[in-house]
C-alpha atoms as a PDB file:
ATOM      1  CA  MET A   1       5.064   0.911  38.526  1.00  0.00           C
ATOM      2  CA  ILE A   2       4.706   1.250  34.829  1.00  0.00           C
ATOM      3  CA  ASN A   3       6.028   4.432  33.122  1.00  0.00           C
ATOM      4  CA  ILE A   4       3.849   6.184  30.640  1.00  0.00           C
ATOM      5  CA  GLY A   5       7.121   6.833  28.493  1.00  0.00           C
ATOM      6  CA  THR A   6       7.714   3.289  28.373  1.00  0.00           C
ATOM      7  CA  ILE A   7       4.267   2.501  27.261  1.00  0.00           C
ATOM      8  CA  ILE A   8       4.452   5.092  24.250  1.00  0.00           C
ATOM      9  CA  PHE A   9       7.815   3.682  23.301  1.00  0.00           C
ATOM     10  CA  GLN A  10       6.441   0.217  23.095  1.00  0.00           C
ATOM     11  CA  LEU A  11       3.603   1.347  21.138  1.00  0.00           C
ATOM     12  CA  PHE A  12       5.748   3.117  18.646  1.00  0.00           C
ATOM     13  CA  SER A  13       7.980   0.323  18.505  1.00  0.00           C
ATOM     14  CA  ILE A  14       5.317  -1.842  17.290  1.00  0.00           C
ATOM     15  CA  LEU A  15       3.153   0.515  15.248  1.00  0.00           C
ATOM     16  CA  ILE A  16       6.113   1.755  13.009  1.00  0.00           C
ATOM     17  CA  PRO A  17       7.051  -1.645  11.634  1.00  0.00           C
ATOM     18  CA  VAL A  18       3.279  -2.648  11.330  1.00  0.00           C
ATOM     19  CA  ALA A  19       2.748   0.659   9.414  1.00  0.00           C
ATOM     20  CA  PHE A  20       5.682   0.382   7.047  1.00  0.00           C
ATOM     21  CA  ILE A  21       4.378  -3.230   6.046  1.00  0.00           C
ATOM     22  CA  VAL A  22       0.873  -2.006   5.447  1.00  0.00           C
ATOM     23  CA  LEU A  23       2.173   0.987   3.185  1.00  0.00           C
ATOM     24  CA  ILE A  24       4.184  -1.770   1.255  1.00  0.00           C
ATOM     25  CA  VAL A  25       0.930  -3.790   0.741  1.00  0.00           C
ATOM     26  CA  LEU A  26      -1.038  -0.762  -0.330  1.00  0.00           C
ATOM     27  CA  PHE A  27       1.355   0.208  -2.662  1.00  0.00           C
ATOM     28  CA  LEU A  28       1.762  -2.970  -4.530  1.00  0.00           C
ATOM     29  CA  ARG A  29      -1.935  -3.523  -4.647  1.00  0.00           C
ATOM     30  CA  SER A  30      -2.756  -0.071  -6.113  1.00  0.00           C
ATOM     31  CA  SER A  31       0.541  -0.792  -8.550  1.00  0.00           C
ATOM     32  CA  LYS A  32      -1.163  -3.931  -9.666  1.00  0.00           C
ATOM     33  CA  LYS A  33      -4.719  -2.266 -10.132  1.00  0.00           C
ATOM     34  CA  ARG A  34      -3.009   0.580 -12.132  1.00  0.00           C
ATOM     35  CA  ASP A  35      -1.068  -1.926 -14.454  1.00  0.00           C
ATOM     36  CA  GLU A  36      -4.677  -3.761 -15.056  1.00  0.00           C
ATOM     37  CA  ARG A  37      -6.314  -0.339 -15.745  1.00  0.00           C
ATOM     38  CA  LEU A  38      -3.699   0.263 -18.355  1.00  0.00           C
ATOM     39  CA  LYS A  39      -4.137  -2.925 -19.833  1.00  0.00           C
ATOM     40  CA  ARG A  40      -7.809  -2.335 -20.221  1.00  0.00           C
ATOM     41  CA  ILE A  41      -7.267   1.012 -21.867  1.00  0.00           C
ATOM     42  CA  GLU A  42      -4.667  -0.265 -24.661  1.00  0.00           C
ATOM     43  CA  GLU A  43      -7.269  -3.030 -25.357  1.00  0.00           C
ATOM     44  CA  LYS A  44     -10.073  -0.348 -26.009  1.00  0.00           C
ATOM     45  CA  VAL A  45      -7.615   1.927 -28.096  1.00  0.00           C
ATOM     46  CA  ASP A  46      -6.547  -1.204 -30.094  1.00  0.00           C
ATOM     47  CA  ASN A  47     -10.045  -1.809 -30.812  1.00  0.00           C
ATOM     48  CA  LEU A  48     -11.083   1.750 -32.098  1.00  0.00           C
ATOM     49  CA  LYS A  49      -7.882   1.482 -34.193  1.00  0.00           C
ATOM     50  CA  LYS A  50      -9.555  -1.511 -36.207  1.00  0.00           C
END
């Protein structure tokens, strides 16, 4: 017989590391986009100064 507590524990054991990896990937992607946006803004400001 399968115990419900065991099933829940297995699901959490799988989902927590997966969620951690997904959060890291999302953080890195947003950081990269933010950096690209900042570079574009800096170029626009430099063009305005000329």
